[in-house]
Amino acid sequence: MGFGTSWKFIGDTKKINGVELKQIVSLIEVEDQDRKLGTLGGFINPSTELLDTSWVEFSSTVYDSSTIKGHSLIKNGGSVCDNSIITNSIIDSSKISNNSLVKSSNVIQSLVSSSAVTKSTIANCWVFKNSAIKHSTLRKCNLHKEVTLNRVVKDHLNIWGAIKIDFEDKILSVTSPE
């Protein structure tokens, strides 16, 4: 790959898990990302697709054939890997991995693996194993194994197992044993 319409590789490199990543530099200015022409970005590998006005900030990484598109921002040490796809989202201090999909969402200080987060905000959460989060706000929660949430606000939530929640009530402190 080597360049996009809004960025290009520069000479600096680093390795993560044996994969060589190259640093990027901005070729455009994007005000809401505090990005100016010549701003140094993070590190990506050549198999990464960094498209449209998406950006990877200085301390962040994207690798292993992942795709960042639309108007997405990976920041504050965020990491996207393992064929994950990010579209029109902000990944802040979070790791997205294992074929995850994040679309039109804000993911803050969270770990998302093998799951989908759509039109949601999650903070301080662990989302694993085929969980699907849609139209939700989640804080300080752990979700595992085929959990589906739709239009719910959750605080301090722990769910393990195949559970579907599809309503608009606010639930505090729910635990489901594995």
N, C-alpha and C. Protein backbone atom coordinates (compact mmCIF):
# COMPACT_ATOMS: atom_id res chain seq x y z
N MET A 1 0.86 -1.19 0.00
CA MET A 1 0.00 0.00 0.00
C MET A 1 0.90 1.24 0.00
N GLY A 2 1.30 1.79 1.15
CA GLY A 2 2.28 2.86 1.16
C GLY A 2 1.75 4.26 1.33
N PHE A 3 0.53 4.53 0.89
CA PHE A 3 -0.03 5.86 1.07
C PHE A 3 -1.54 5.80 0.86
N GLY A 4 -2.22 6.80 1.37
CA GLY A 4 -3.65 6.97 1.12
C GLY A 4 -3.83 8.34 0.51
N THR A 5 -5.04 8.79 0.42
CA THR A 5 -5.25 10.13 -0.10
C THR A 5 -5.01 11.19 0.96
N SER A 6 -4.97 10.78 2.24
CA SER A 6 -4.80 11.75 3.31
C SER A 6 -3.56 11.50 4.16
N TRP A 7 -2.72 10.54 3.79
CA TRP A 7 -1.53 10.21 4.57
C TRP A 7 -0.50 9.52 3.69
N LYS A 8 0.73 9.39 4.23
CA LYS A 8 1.76 8.58 3.58
C LYS A 8 2.69 8.04 4.66
N PHE A 9 3.43 6.99 4.31
CA PHE A 9 4.42 6.43 5.22
C PHE A 9 5.63 7.35 5.29
N ILE A 10 6.27 7.36 6.48
CA ILE A 10 7.59 8.00 6.59
C ILE A 10 8.56 6.90 7.01
N GLY A 11 9.80 7.22 7.26
CA GLY A 11 10.84 6.22 7.48
C GLY A 11 10.81 5.46 8.80
N ASP A 12 10.20 5.99 9.86
CA ASP A 12 10.27 5.34 11.17
C ASP A 12 9.45 4.05 11.19
N THR A 13 10.01 3.02 11.84
CA THR A 13 9.33 1.73 11.96
C THR A 13 9.41 1.22 13.39
N LYS A 14 8.54 0.27 13.72
CA LYS A 14 8.64 -0.48 14.98
C LYS A 14 7.97 -1.82 14.77
N LYS A 15 8.29 -2.79 15.64
CA LYS A 15 7.71 -4.13 15.52
C LYS A 15 6.78 -4.40 16.70
N ILE A 16 5.64 -5.01 16.37
CA ILE A 16 4.70 -5.49 17.38
C ILE A 16 4.37 -6.93 17.01
N ASN A 17 4.61 -7.84 17.93
CA ASN A 17 4.36 -9.27 17.70
C ASN A 17 5.02 -9.75 16.40
N GLY A 18 6.22 -9.28 16.13
CA GLY A 18 6.95 -9.69 14.94
C GLY A 18 6.51 -9.03 13.64
N VAL A 19 5.53 -8.14 13.72
CA VAL A 19 5.02 -7.44 12.53
C VAL A 19 5.65 -6.05 12.47
N GLU A 20 6.24 -5.71 11.31
CA GLU A 20 6.83 -4.38 11.15
C GLU A 20 5.76 -3.36 10.80
N LEU A 21 5.70 -2.31 11.59
CA LEU A 21 4.77 -1.21 11.36
C LEU A 21 5.56 0.02 10.97
N LYS A 22 4.94 0.85 10.11
CA LYS A 22 5.59 2.08 9.67
C LYS A 22 4.77 3.28 10.12
N GLN A 23 5.46 4.34 10.46
CA GLN A 23 4.78 5.55 10.90
C GLN A 23 4.20 6.30 9.71
N ILE A 24 3.08 6.98 9.96
CA ILE A 24 2.42 7.76 8.91
C ILE A 24 2.50 9.25 9.22
N VAL A 25 2.28 10.06 8.19
CA VAL A 25 2.22 11.51 8.32
C VAL A 25 1.00 11.99 7.54
N SER A 26 0.34 13.02 8.05
CA SER A 26 -0.87 13.53 7.41
C SER A 26 -0.55 14.38 6.18
N LEU A 27 -1.35 14.18 5.15
CA LEU A 27 -1.24 14.99 3.94
C LEU A 27 -2.36 16.02 3.84
N ILE A 28 -3.26 16.02 4.84
CA ILE A 28 -4.39 16.95 4.85
C ILE A 28 -4.59 17.51 6.26
N GLU A 29 -5.46 18.49 6.35
CA GLU A 29 -5.84 19.07 7.63
C GLU A 29 -7.28 18.64 7.94
N VAL A 30 -7.50 18.16 9.17
CA VAL A 30 -8.83 17.75 9.61
C VAL A 30 -9.04 18.37 10.99
N GLU A 31 -9.82 19.44 11.04
CA GLU A 31 -9.97 20.24 12.25
C GLU A 31 -10.47 19.46 13.45
N ASP A 32 -11.52 18.65 13.29
CA ASP A 32 -12.09 17.96 14.45
C ASP A 32 -11.21 16.80 14.95
N GLN A 33 -10.12 16.51 14.25
CA GLN A 33 -9.16 15.53 14.71
C GLN A 33 -7.86 16.20 15.18
N ASP A 34 -7.87 17.53 15.29
CA ASP A 34 -6.66 18.30 15.63
C ASP A 34 -5.48 17.86 14.77
N ARG A 35 -5.73 17.72 13.49
CA ARG A 35 -4.75 17.20 12.55
C ARG A 35 -4.43 18.25 11.50
N LYS A 36 -3.16 18.55 11.39
CA LYS A 36 -2.70 19.52 10.40
C LYS A 36 -1.83 18.81 9.36
N LEU A 37 -1.62 19.44 8.24
CA LEU A 37 -0.71 18.93 7.23
C LEU A 37 0.65 18.70 7.88
N GLY A 38 1.21 17.53 7.76
CA GLY A 38 2.51 17.22 8.34
C GLY A 38 2.46 16.64 9.74
N THR A 39 1.27 16.48 10.32
CA THR A 39 1.15 15.88 11.65
C THR A 39 1.62 14.43 11.59
N LEU A 40 2.52 14.07 12.53
CA LEU A 40 2.97 12.69 12.61
C LEU A 40 1.87 11.83 13.22
N GLY A 41 1.63 10.70 12.61
CA GLY A 41 0.61 9.78 13.09
C GLY A 41 1.22 8.58 13.76
N GLY A 42 0.40 7.56 13.94
CA GLY A 42 0.82 6.33 14.58
C GLY A 42 1.49 5.39 13.59
N PHE A 43 1.47 4.12 13.95
CA PHE A 43 2.17 3.11 13.17
C PHE A 43 1.17 2.10 12.62
N ILE A 44 1.29 1.82 11.32
CA ILE A 44 0.43 0.83 10.67
C ILE A 44 1.31 -0.07 9.81
N ASN A 45 0.79 -1.24 9.43
CA ASN A 45 1.57 -2.05 8.51
C ASN A 45 0.98 -1.96 7.11
N PRO A 46 1.74 -2.33 6.09
CA PRO A 46 1.27 -2.16 4.72
C PRO A 46 -0.03 -2.89 4.39
N SER A 47 -0.41 -3.91 5.16
CA SER A 47 -1.68 -4.61 4.89
C SER A 47 -2.88 -3.87 5.45
N THR A 48 -2.65 -2.79 6.17
CA THR A 48 -3.73 -1.98 6.73
C THR A 48 -4.36 -1.12 5.65
N GLU A 49 -5.69 -1.00 5.69
CA GLU A 49 -6.38 -0.05 4.83
C GLU A 49 -6.81 1.12 5.70
N LEU A 50 -6.19 2.26 5.49
CA LEU A 50 -6.53 3.50 6.20
C LEU A 50 -7.12 4.43 5.15
N LEU A 51 -8.45 4.54 5.15
CA LEU A 51 -9.17 5.16 4.04
C LEU A 51 -9.88 6.46 4.45
N ASP A 52 -10.29 7.22 3.45
CA ASP A 52 -11.09 8.42 3.62
C ASP A 52 -10.36 9.43 4.52
N THR A 53 -11.03 10.01 5.50
CA THR A 53 -10.36 10.96 6.41
C THR A 53 -10.00 10.30 7.74
N SER A 54 -9.97 8.99 7.78
CA SER A 54 -9.61 8.29 9.01
C SER A 54 -8.16 8.56 9.37
N TRP A 55 -7.87 8.46 10.70
CA TRP A 55 -6.54 8.81 11.17
C TRP A 55 -6.15 7.93 12.34
N VAL A 56 -4.86 7.64 12.44
CA VAL A 56 -4.27 6.90 13.54
C VAL A 56 -3.30 7.86 14.23
N GLU A 57 -3.61 8.26 15.46
CA GLU A 57 -2.76 9.22 16.18
C GLU A 57 -1.41 8.60 16.55
N PHE A 58 -0.48 9.46 16.92
CA PHE A 58 0.92 9.15 17.17
C PHE A 58 1.14 7.90 18.04
N SER A 59 0.43 7.75 19.12
CA SER A 59 0.68 6.64 20.05
C SER A 59 -0.12 5.38 19.75
N SER A 60 -0.82 5.34 18.63
CA SER A 60 -1.73 4.24 18.31
C SER A 60 -1.20 3.38 17.16
N THR A 61 -1.76 2.15 17.04
CA THR A 61 -1.30 1.21 16.03
C THR A 61 -2.48 0.52 15.35
N VAL A 62 -2.27 0.15 14.08
CA VAL A 62 -3.24 -0.64 13.32
C VAL A 62 -2.44 -1.62 12.48
N TYR A 63 -2.81 -2.92 12.55
CA TYR A 63 -2.05 -3.92 11.81
C TYR A 63 -2.88 -5.19 11.59
N ASP A 64 -2.25 -6.19 10.97
CA ASP A 64 -2.86 -7.48 10.65
C ASP A 64 -4.09 -7.34 9.77
N SER A 65 -3.93 -6.67 8.64
CA SER A 65 -4.98 -6.56 7.61
C SER A 65 -6.27 -5.94 8.11
N SER A 66 -6.19 -5.02 9.04
CA SER A 66 -7.39 -4.32 9.52
C SER A 66 -7.72 -3.16 8.60
N THR A 67 -8.98 -2.69 8.67
CA THR A 67 -9.45 -1.60 7.83
C THR A 67 -10.03 -0.49 8.70
N ILE A 68 -9.58 0.74 8.48
CA ILE A 68 -10.10 1.92 9.17
C ILE A 68 -10.66 2.82 8.08
N LYS A 69 -11.97 3.13 8.14
CA LYS A 69 -12.56 3.89 7.04
C LYS A 69 -13.59 4.90 7.53
N GLY A 70 -14.07 5.70 6.57
CA GLY A 70 -15.00 6.77 6.91
C GLY A 70 -14.25 7.89 7.59
N HIS A 71 -14.80 8.36 8.68
CA HIS A 71 -14.17 9.43 9.47
C HIS A 71 -13.87 8.87 10.87
N SER A 72 -12.96 7.90 10.92
CA SER A 72 -12.61 7.23 12.16
C SER A 72 -11.32 7.80 12.73
N LEU A 73 -11.16 7.63 14.04
CA LEU A 73 -9.97 8.11 14.73
C LEU A 73 -9.54 7.06 15.74
N ILE A 74 -8.28 6.63 15.65
CA ILE A 74 -7.69 5.71 16.61
C ILE A 74 -6.73 6.57 17.43
N LYS A 75 -6.96 6.66 18.76
CA LYS A 75 -6.16 7.62 19.54
C LYS A 75 -5.81 7.10 20.93
N ASN A 76 -4.92 7.84 21.58
CA ASN A 76 -4.50 7.58 22.97
C ASN A 76 -4.06 6.14 23.19
N GLY A 77 -3.19 5.64 22.31
CA GLY A 77 -2.67 4.29 22.45
C GLY A 77 -3.62 3.21 21.99
N GLY A 78 -4.65 3.58 21.26
CA GLY A 78 -5.59 2.59 20.73
C GLY A 78 -4.91 1.64 19.76
N SER A 79 -5.45 0.43 19.67
CA SER A 79 -4.87 -0.58 18.80
C SER A 79 -6.00 -1.33 18.09
N VAL A 80 -5.82 -1.52 16.78
CA VAL A 80 -6.78 -2.29 15.99
C VAL A 80 -5.97 -3.34 15.24
N CYS A 81 -6.39 -4.62 15.34
CA CYS A 81 -5.63 -5.69 14.71
C CYS A 81 -6.51 -6.88 14.37
N ASP A 82 -5.90 -7.88 13.75
CA ASP A 82 -6.55 -9.15 13.44
C ASP A 82 -7.77 -9.01 12.54
N ASN A 83 -7.61 -8.34 11.42
CA ASN A 83 -8.68 -8.22 10.41
C ASN A 83 -9.93 -7.51 10.92
N SER A 84 -9.79 -6.62 11.87
CA SER A 84 -10.94 -5.87 12.38
C SER A 84 -11.26 -4.71 11.45
N ILE A 85 -12.52 -4.24 11.49
CA ILE A 85 -12.97 -3.14 10.64
C ILE A 85 -13.59 -2.05 11.51
N ILE A 86 -13.11 -0.83 11.34
CA ILE A 86 -13.61 0.33 12.07
C ILE A 86 -14.17 1.31 11.05
N THR A 87 -15.43 1.74 11.24
CA THR A 87 -16.07 2.67 10.32
C THR A 87 -16.70 3.81 11.10
N ASN A 88 -16.35 5.05 10.77
CA ASN A 88 -16.95 6.24 11.39
C ASN A 88 -17.02 6.15 12.91
N SER A 89 -15.91 5.78 13.53
CA SER A 89 -15.88 5.56 14.97
C SER A 89 -14.64 6.16 15.59
N ILE A 90 -14.68 6.32 16.92
CA ILE A 90 -13.52 6.74 17.70
C ILE A 90 -13.12 5.59 18.61
N ILE A 91 -11.86 5.18 18.48
CA ILE A 91 -11.30 4.14 19.34
C ILE A 91 -10.29 4.85 20.23
N ASP A 92 -10.60 4.99 21.51
CA ASP A 92 -9.82 5.78 22.45
C ASP A 92 -9.28 4.87 23.56
N SER A 93 -7.97 4.70 23.61
CA SER A 93 -7.33 3.88 24.66
C SER A 93 -7.92 2.48 24.71
N SER A 94 -8.22 1.90 23.57
CA SER A 94 -8.88 0.60 23.50
C SER A 94 -8.19 -0.32 22.51
N LYS A 95 -8.45 -1.63 22.66
CA LYS A 95 -7.95 -2.60 21.70
C LYS A 95 -9.13 -3.30 21.04
N ILE A 96 -9.11 -3.31 19.71
CA ILE A 96 -10.13 -3.98 18.91
C ILE A 96 -9.42 -5.09 18.15
N SER A 97 -9.86 -6.35 18.30
CA SER A 97 -9.13 -7.46 17.71
C SER A 97 -10.04 -8.60 17.27
N ASN A 98 -9.43 -9.59 16.62
CA ASN A 98 -10.08 -10.84 16.23
C ASN A 98 -11.35 -10.64 15.40
N ASN A 99 -11.18 -10.01 14.24
CA ASN A 99 -12.29 -9.85 13.29
C ASN A 99 -13.47 -9.07 13.84
N SER A 100 -13.23 -8.14 14.73
CA SER A 100 -14.31 -7.32 15.28
C SER A 100 -14.73 -6.25 14.30
N LEU A 101 -15.95 -5.78 14.48
CA LEU A 101 -16.52 -4.70 13.68
C LEU A 101 -17.00 -3.61 14.62
N VAL A 102 -16.54 -2.38 14.40
CA VAL A 102 -17.02 -1.23 15.17
C VAL A 102 -17.50 -0.20 14.16
N LYS A 103 -18.78 0.18 14.27
CA LYS A 103 -19.36 1.10 13.29
C LYS A 103 -20.15 2.19 14.02
N SER A 104 -19.86 3.45 13.67
CA SER A 104 -20.58 4.60 14.21
C SER A 104 -20.65 4.57 15.73
N SER A 105 -19.51 4.31 16.37
CA SER A 105 -19.47 4.13 17.82
C SER A 105 -18.26 4.84 18.43
N ASN A 106 -18.32 5.00 19.76
CA ASN A 106 -17.19 5.46 20.55
C ASN A 106 -16.81 4.33 21.50
N VAL A 107 -15.56 3.89 21.43
CA VAL A 107 -15.07 2.83 22.29
C VAL A 107 -13.95 3.42 23.13
N ILE A 108 -14.15 3.47 24.45
CA ILE A 108 -13.23 4.17 25.35
C ILE A 108 -12.73 3.21 26.42
N GLN A 109 -11.41 3.08 26.54
CA GLN A 109 -10.77 2.23 27.54
C GLN A 109 -11.44 0.86 27.62
N SER A 110 -11.59 0.22 26.47
CA SER A 110 -12.29 -1.06 26.40
C SER A 110 -11.52 -2.05 25.55
N LEU A 111 -11.92 -3.31 25.65
CA LEU A 111 -11.35 -4.39 24.87
C LEU A 111 -12.49 -5.07 24.14
N VAL A 112 -12.43 -5.11 22.79
CA VAL A 112 -13.47 -5.74 21.98
C VAL A 112 -12.78 -6.81 21.14
N SER A 113 -13.26 -8.06 21.26
CA SER A 113 -12.66 -9.17 20.54
C SER A 113 -13.75 -10.07 19.98
N SER A 114 -13.65 -10.39 18.69
CA SER A 114 -14.60 -11.28 18.02
C SER A 114 -16.05 -10.83 18.21
N SER A 115 -16.30 -9.54 18.14
CA SER A 115 -17.63 -8.99 18.42
C SER A 115 -17.93 -7.80 17.52
N ALA A 116 -19.18 -7.30 17.61
CA ALA A 116 -19.60 -6.13 16.84
C ALA A 116 -20.19 -5.08 17.76
N VAL A 117 -19.81 -3.82 17.54
CA VAL A 117 -20.35 -2.68 18.29
C VAL A 117 -20.85 -1.69 17.24
N THR A 118 -22.16 -1.39 17.26
CA THR A 118 -22.75 -0.52 16.26
C THR A 118 -23.58 0.56 16.92
N LYS A 119 -23.37 1.81 16.51
CA LYS A 119 -24.13 2.97 17.01
C LYS A 119 -24.24 2.97 18.53
N SER A 120 -23.09 2.77 19.19
CA SER A 120 -23.06 2.65 20.65
C SER A 120 -21.87 3.39 21.22
N THR A 121 -21.93 3.59 22.52
CA THR A 121 -20.78 4.08 23.28
C THR A 121 -20.48 3.06 24.35
N ILE A 122 -19.24 2.56 24.39
CA ILE A 122 -18.86 1.66 25.47
C ILE A 122 -17.61 2.22 26.13
N ALA A 123 -17.57 2.13 27.46
CA ALA A 123 -16.44 2.65 28.23
C ALA A 123 -16.09 1.65 29.33
N ASN A 124 -14.81 1.38 29.47
CA ASN A 124 -14.31 0.46 30.49
C ASN A 124 -15.00 -0.90 30.42
N CYS A 125 -15.13 -1.44 29.21
CA CYS A 125 -15.83 -2.71 29.00
C CYS A 125 -14.93 -3.75 28.36
N TRP A 126 -15.26 -5.01 28.60
CA TRP A 126 -14.67 -6.14 27.91
C TRP A 126 -15.80 -6.80 27.13
N VAL A 127 -15.69 -6.86 25.82
CA VAL A 127 -16.74 -7.44 24.97
C VAL A 127 -16.09 -8.56 24.16
N PHE A 128 -16.54 -9.82 24.37
CA PHE A 128 -15.89 -10.98 23.77
C PHE A 128 -16.86 -11.96 23.13
N LYS A 129 -16.35 -12.76 22.21
CA LYS A 129 -16.98 -13.97 21.67
C LYS A 129 -18.38 -13.77 21.12
N ASN A 130 -18.46 -13.13 19.98
CA ASN A 130 -19.72 -12.99 19.24
C ASN A 130 -20.77 -12.15 19.95
N SER A 131 -20.37 -11.22 20.78
CA SER A 131 -21.33 -10.29 21.37
C SER A 131 -21.69 -9.24 20.32
N ALA A 132 -22.93 -8.78 20.35
CA ALA A 132 -23.39 -7.74 19.43
C ALA A 132 -24.00 -6.61 20.25
N ILE A 133 -23.41 -5.42 20.15
CA ILE A 133 -23.87 -4.25 20.89
C ILE A 133 -24.43 -3.26 19.88
N LYS A 134 -25.71 -2.89 20.00
CA LYS A 134 -26.33 -1.95 19.06
C LYS A 134 -27.12 -0.90 19.83
N HIS A 135 -27.00 0.34 19.41
CA HIS A 135 -27.79 1.45 19.98
C HIS A 135 -27.75 1.44 21.51
N SER A 136 -26.58 1.23 22.09
CA SER A 136 -26.47 1.08 23.54
C SER A 136 -25.38 1.97 24.10
N THR A 137 -25.49 2.23 25.39
CA THR A 137 -24.42 2.87 26.14
C THR A 137 -24.05 1.91 27.26
N LEU A 138 -22.78 1.48 27.29
CA LEU A 138 -22.33 0.52 28.28
C LEU A 138 -21.13 1.09 29.02
N ARG A 139 -21.13 0.95 30.34
CA ARG A 139 -20.01 1.41 31.15
C ARG A 139 -19.64 0.34 32.17
N LYS A 140 -18.33 0.12 32.33
CA LYS A 140 -17.81 -0.80 33.33
C LYS A 140 -18.51 -2.15 33.29
N CYS A 141 -18.38 -2.84 32.15
CA CYS A 141 -19.10 -4.11 32.00
C CYS A 141 -18.23 -5.16 31.34
N ASN A 142 -18.64 -6.42 31.52
CA ASN A 142 -18.02 -7.56 30.87
C ASN A 142 -19.12 -8.33 30.14
N LEU A 143 -18.94 -8.55 28.85
CA LEU A 143 -19.93 -9.28 28.05
C LEU A 143 -19.21 -10.42 27.34
N HIS A 144 -19.72 -11.64 27.46
CA HIS A 144 -19.07 -12.81 26.88
C HIS A 144 -20.08 -13.71 26.21
N LYS A 145 -19.71 -14.33 25.10
CA LYS A 145 -20.42 -15.42 24.44
C LYS A 145 -21.83 -15.08 23.98
N GLU A 146 -21.94 -14.59 22.78
CA GLU A 146 -23.22 -14.39 22.10
C GLU A 146 -24.23 -13.54 22.87
N VAL A 147 -23.80 -12.42 23.38
CA VAL A 147 -24.68 -11.46 24.04
C VAL A 147 -25.18 -10.47 23.00
N THR A 148 -26.46 -10.14 23.01
CA THR A 148 -27.02 -9.14 22.11
C THR A 148 -27.68 -8.07 22.96
N LEU A 149 -27.30 -6.83 22.75
CA LEU A 149 -27.91 -5.70 23.46
C LEU A 149 -28.45 -4.73 22.43
N ASN A 150 -29.59 -4.14 22.69
CA ASN A 150 -30.19 -3.18 21.78
C ASN A 150 -30.91 -2.10 22.58
N ARG A 151 -30.46 -0.84 22.41
CA ARG A 151 -31.09 0.32 23.04
C ARG A 151 -31.20 0.22 24.56
N VAL A 152 -30.08 -0.10 25.20
CA VAL A 152 -30.07 -0.18 26.65
C VAL A 152 -28.89 0.61 27.20
N VAL A 153 -29.08 1.13 28.38
CA VAL A 153 -28.01 1.80 29.09
C VAL A 153 -27.62 0.89 30.25
N LYS A 154 -26.35 0.57 30.34
CA LYS A 154 -25.90 -0.39 31.35
C LYS A 154 -24.76 0.20 32.18
N ASP A 155 -24.78 -0.05 33.47
CA ASP A 155 -23.68 0.29 34.37
C ASP A 155 -23.30 -0.95 35.16
N HIS A 156 -22.02 -1.22 35.32
CA HIS A 156 -21.53 -2.33 36.13
C HIS A 156 -22.23 -3.63 35.78
N LEU A 157 -22.18 -4.01 34.52
CA LEU A 157 -22.91 -5.16 33.99
C LEU A 157 -21.96 -6.30 33.71
N ASN A 158 -22.28 -7.50 34.17
CA ASN A 158 -21.52 -8.71 33.85
C ASN A 158 -22.50 -9.74 33.31
N ILE A 159 -22.28 -10.19 32.08
CA ILE A 159 -23.16 -11.20 31.48
C ILE A 159 -22.27 -12.26 30.83
N TRP A 160 -22.53 -13.54 31.12
CA TRP A 160 -21.84 -14.64 30.47
C TRP A 160 -22.90 -15.59 29.93
N GLY A 161 -22.73 -16.10 28.73
CA GLY A 161 -23.68 -17.04 28.15
C GLY A 161 -24.54 -16.40 27.08
N ALA A 162 -25.41 -17.18 26.46
CA ALA A 162 -26.25 -16.71 25.37
C ALA A 162 -27.47 -15.96 25.91
N ILE A 163 -27.36 -14.65 25.99
CA ILE A 163 -28.41 -13.82 26.55
C ILE A 163 -28.75 -12.72 25.56
N LYS A 164 -30.02 -12.43 25.39
CA LYS A 164 -30.43 -11.34 24.53
C LYS A 164 -31.24 -10.34 25.36
N ILE A 165 -30.88 -9.07 25.28
CA ILE A 165 -31.60 -8.01 25.97
C ILE A 165 -32.01 -7.01 24.90
N ASP A 166 -33.31 -6.71 24.81
CA ASP A 166 -33.80 -5.87 23.73
C ASP A 166 -34.94 -4.98 24.23
N PHE A 167 -34.60 -3.99 25.03
CA PHE A 167 -35.60 -3.04 25.55
C PHE A 167 -34.90 -1.75 25.95
N GLU A 168 -35.62 -0.79 26.47
CA GLU A 168 -35.04 0.52 26.75
C GLU A 168 -34.94 0.86 28.23
N ASP A 169 -35.12 -0.08 29.11
CA ASP A 169 -35.00 0.19 30.54
C ASP A 169 -33.55 0.34 30.94
N LYS A 170 -33.31 1.09 32.00
CA LYS A 170 -31.96 1.22 32.54
C LYS A 170 -31.80 0.14 33.61
N ILE A 171 -30.76 -0.68 33.46
CA ILE A 171 -30.53 -1.75 34.40
C ILE A 171 -29.19 -1.50 35.07
N LEU A 172 -29.17 -1.59 36.39
CA LEU A 172 -27.94 -1.42 37.15
C LEU A 172 -27.54 -2.74 37.78
N SER A 173 -26.28 -3.09 37.70
CA SER A 173 -25.71 -4.21 38.41
C SER A 173 -26.40 -5.55 38.15
N VAL A 174 -26.29 -6.06 36.92
CA VAL A 174 -26.86 -7.35 36.56
C VAL A 174 -25.73 -8.35 36.37
N THR A 175 -25.88 -9.55 36.93
CA THR A 175 -24.88 -10.59 36.74
C THR A 175 -25.59 -11.88 36.35
N SER A 176 -25.06 -12.57 35.34
CA SER A 176 -25.60 -13.85 34.92
C SER A 176 -24.47 -14.86 34.99
N PRO A 177 -24.59 -15.91 35.81
CA PRO A 177 -23.49 -16.87 35.94
C PRO A 177 -23.26 -17.64 34.65
N GLU A 178 -22.02 -18.08 34.46
CA GLU A 178 -21.65 -18.81 33.25
C GLU A 178 -22.19 -20.21 33.31
